[in-house]
Amino acid sequence: MPLQDPNNPRRYLHSTATKYEFQFGYSRAVRHGRIIRIAGTAGLNEDGQVVSDDVVEQMRRALEIIKAALEDLGSSLGDVIMTRIYVRDVHDIDRVAVIHGEVFRDIRPATTIVRVDFIDARILVEIEAEAVYGGADAKD
């Protein structure tokens, strides 16, 4: 269940309760009006540990977390209009792209993919997303 921001009734926060959310002071996802933004999401388990040393398994887990955040905020993957994918190794781009395609092939959000160095060297991929609550054609 999302938390309604006590300072703004149009703003809802979704948390996965990781230590990083508390430490850095952020939410996994925020819905403000019709806009939903999901923070960079790595393939971590409930204890905040990387799920695997395989980029495909990390990507699948990150997408599960994103899907759950969207659903908690009353939305779905079908409402996603933008994703940004960050990979540690450019050689993993094709493997990550296949998983992204499995999920988003019919949705076709705008997408960017870049190579980065992660703070935690065990993380191989991270993804963030933007969505429009109720769909891009929904009326306020």
Protein backbone atom coordinates (compact mmCIF):
# COMPACT_ATOMS: atom_id res chain seq x y z
CA MET A 1 0.00 0.00 0.00
CA PRO A 2 1.51 3.32 -1.00
CA LEU A 3 1.99 6.06 1.54
CA GLN A 4 0.19 9.31 0.83
CA ASP A 5 2.56 12.21 1.33
CA PRO A 6 1.21 14.17 4.34
CA ASN A 7 2.45 17.40 2.73
CA ASN A 8 0.86 16.81 -0.67
CA PRO A 9 -2.36 14.80 -1.13
CA ARG A 10 -1.58 14.25 -4.85
CA ARG A 11 1.70 12.50 -4.08
CA TYR A 12 2.06 8.79 -3.19
CA LEU A 13 5.25 6.99 -2.21
CA HIS A 14 6.18 3.34 -2.69
CA SER A 15 8.97 1.83 -0.63
CA THR A 16 10.74 -1.52 -0.70
CA ALA A 17 12.15 -0.67 2.74
CA THR A 18 15.77 -1.18 1.76
CA LYS A 19 18.45 0.39 3.91
CA TYR A 20 19.45 2.53 0.93
CA GLU A 21 16.03 4.19 0.70
CA PHE A 22 16.30 5.25 4.32
CA GLN A 23 20.01 6.09 4.15
CA PHE A 24 19.74 8.27 1.04
CA GLY A 25 16.22 9.56 1.75
CA TYR A 26 14.39 8.41 -1.36
CA SER A 27 11.41 6.30 -2.40
CA ARG A 28 11.55 3.36 -4.79
CA ALA A 29 8.71 5.00 -6.71
CA VAL A 30 6.67 8.19 -6.54
CA ARG A 31 3.31 8.97 -8.12
CA HIS A 32 2.63 12.69 -8.27
CA GLY A 33 -0.69 13.33 -9.96
CA ARG A 34 -0.55 11.17 -13.08
CA ILE A 35 3.24 10.93 -13.32
CA ILE A 36 5.05 7.91 -11.85
CA ARG A 37 8.82 7.78 -11.57
CA ILE A 38 10.68 4.68 -10.44
CA ALA A 39 14.21 5.06 -9.10
CA GLY A 40 17.11 3.10 -10.51
CA THR A 41 16.32 -0.49 -9.57
CA ALA A 42 18.86 -3.29 -9.31
CA GLY A 43 18.17 -7.00 -9.02
CA LEU A 44 18.24 -7.25 -5.25
CA ASN A 45 16.44 -9.64 -2.94
CA GLU A 46 14.42 -8.64 0.13
CA ASP A 47 17.63 -8.49 2.20
CA GLY A 48 19.20 -6.00 -0.21
CA GLN A 49 21.63 -8.53 -1.63
CA VAL A 50 22.28 -9.02 -5.35
CA VAL A 51 20.20 -12.02 -6.47
CA SER A 52 22.81 -13.54 -8.76
CA ASP A 53 26.03 -12.89 -10.61
CA ASP A 54 24.07 -13.34 -13.88
CA VAL A 55 22.96 -10.14 -15.64
CA VAL A 56 19.78 -11.81 -16.96
CA GLU A 57 18.66 -12.87 -13.49
CA GLN A 58 19.44 -9.41 -12.14
CA MET A 59 17.44 -7.78 -14.95
CA ARG A 60 14.45 -10.07 -14.39
CA ARG A 61 14.46 -9.32 -10.66
CA ALA A 62 14.74 -5.56 -11.24
CA LEU A 63 11.72 -5.72 -13.56
CA GLU A 64 9.76 -7.69 -10.93
CA ILE A 65 10.46 -4.91 -8.42
CA ILE A 66 9.40 -2.25 -10.92
CA LYS A 67 6.20 -4.13 -11.76
CA ALA A 68 5.33 -4.45 -8.06
CA ALA A 69 5.97 -0.73 -7.49
CA LEU A 70 3.73 0.23 -10.42
CA GLU A 71 0.96 -2.06 -9.21
CA ASP A 72 1.20 -0.70 -5.68
CA LEU A 73 0.71 2.78 -7.10
CA GLY A 74 -2.33 1.66 -9.10
CA SER A 75 -0.57 1.37 -12.44
CA SER A 76 0.96 -1.32 -14.65
CA LEU A 77 3.83 -2.01 -17.01
CA GLY A 78 1.50 -0.99 -19.83
CA ASP A 79 1.58 2.59 -18.56
CA VAL A 80 5.39 2.86 -18.85
CA ILE A 81 6.49 5.54 -21.31
CA MET A 82 10.28 5.58 -20.64
CA THR A 83 12.94 3.24 -19.34
CA ARG A 84 16.61 3.87 -18.73
CA ILE A 85 18.90 0.88 -18.49
CA TYR A 86 22.37 1.05 -16.99
CA VAL A 87 24.86 -1.79 -17.55
CA ARG A 88 28.34 -2.32 -16.18
CA ASP A 89 29.61 -4.27 -19.19
CA VAL A 90 28.70 -3.30 -22.77
CA HIS A 91 28.91 -6.99 -23.69
CA ASP A 92 25.75 -7.54 -21.59
CA ILE A 93 23.63 -5.11 -23.62
CA ASP A 94 22.23 -7.75 -25.97
CA ARG A 95 21.29 -10.10 -23.11
CA VAL A 96 19.62 -7.27 -21.18
CA ALA A 97 17.85 -6.04 -24.32
CA VAL A 98 16.26 -9.46 -24.84
CA ILE A 99 14.73 -9.36 -21.35
CA HIS A 100 13.58 -5.77 -21.82
CA GLY A 101 12.00 -6.83 -25.11
CA GLU A 102 10.16 -9.75 -23.49
CA VAL A 103 8.47 -7.31 -21.11
CA PHE A 104 8.09 -4.18 -23.24
CA ARG A 105 7.90 -5.38 -26.88
CA ASP A 106 4.20 -4.55 -27.20
CA ILE A 107 4.38 -1.49 -24.92
CA ARG A 108 7.37 0.10 -26.66
CA PRO A 109 8.43 2.84 -24.24
CA ALA A 110 11.19 5.22 -25.18
CA THR A 111 14.41 3.66 -23.90
CA THR A 112 18.00 4.59 -23.24
CA ILE A 113 20.83 2.22 -22.36
CA VAL A 114 24.23 3.34 -21.10
CA ARG A 115 27.35 1.84 -19.56
CA VAL A 116 28.17 2.91 -16.02
CA ASP A 117 30.25 1.97 -13.01
CA PHE A 118 28.08 1.01 -10.06
CA ILE A 119 28.96 1.77 -6.47
CA ASP A 120 28.42 -1.93 -5.68
CA ALA A 121 30.57 -3.94 -8.13
CA ARG A 122 28.21 -6.94 -7.82
CA ILE A 123 25.45 -5.00 -9.58
CA LEU A 124 25.55 -5.63 -13.32
CA VAL A 125 22.38 -3.86 -14.43
CA GLU A 126 19.93 -1.29 -13.12
CA ILE A 127 16.75 0.08 -14.67
CA GLU A 128 14.52 3.06 -13.96
CA ALA A 129 11.13 3.84 -15.45
CA GLU A 130 8.57 6.56 -15.95
CA ALA A 131 4.86 5.92 -16.38
CA VAL A 132 1.63 7.83 -16.76
CA TYR A 133 -0.96 6.78 -14.19
CA GLY A 134 -4.08 5.61 -15.99
CA GLY A 135 -2.32 5.57 -19.35
CA ALA A 136 -1.12 8.33 -21.62
CA ASP A 137 -4.63 9.01 -22.97
CA ALA A 138 -6.37 9.09 -19.59
CA LYS A 139 -8.30 12.21 -18.68
CA ASP A 140 -7.74 13.91 -15.32
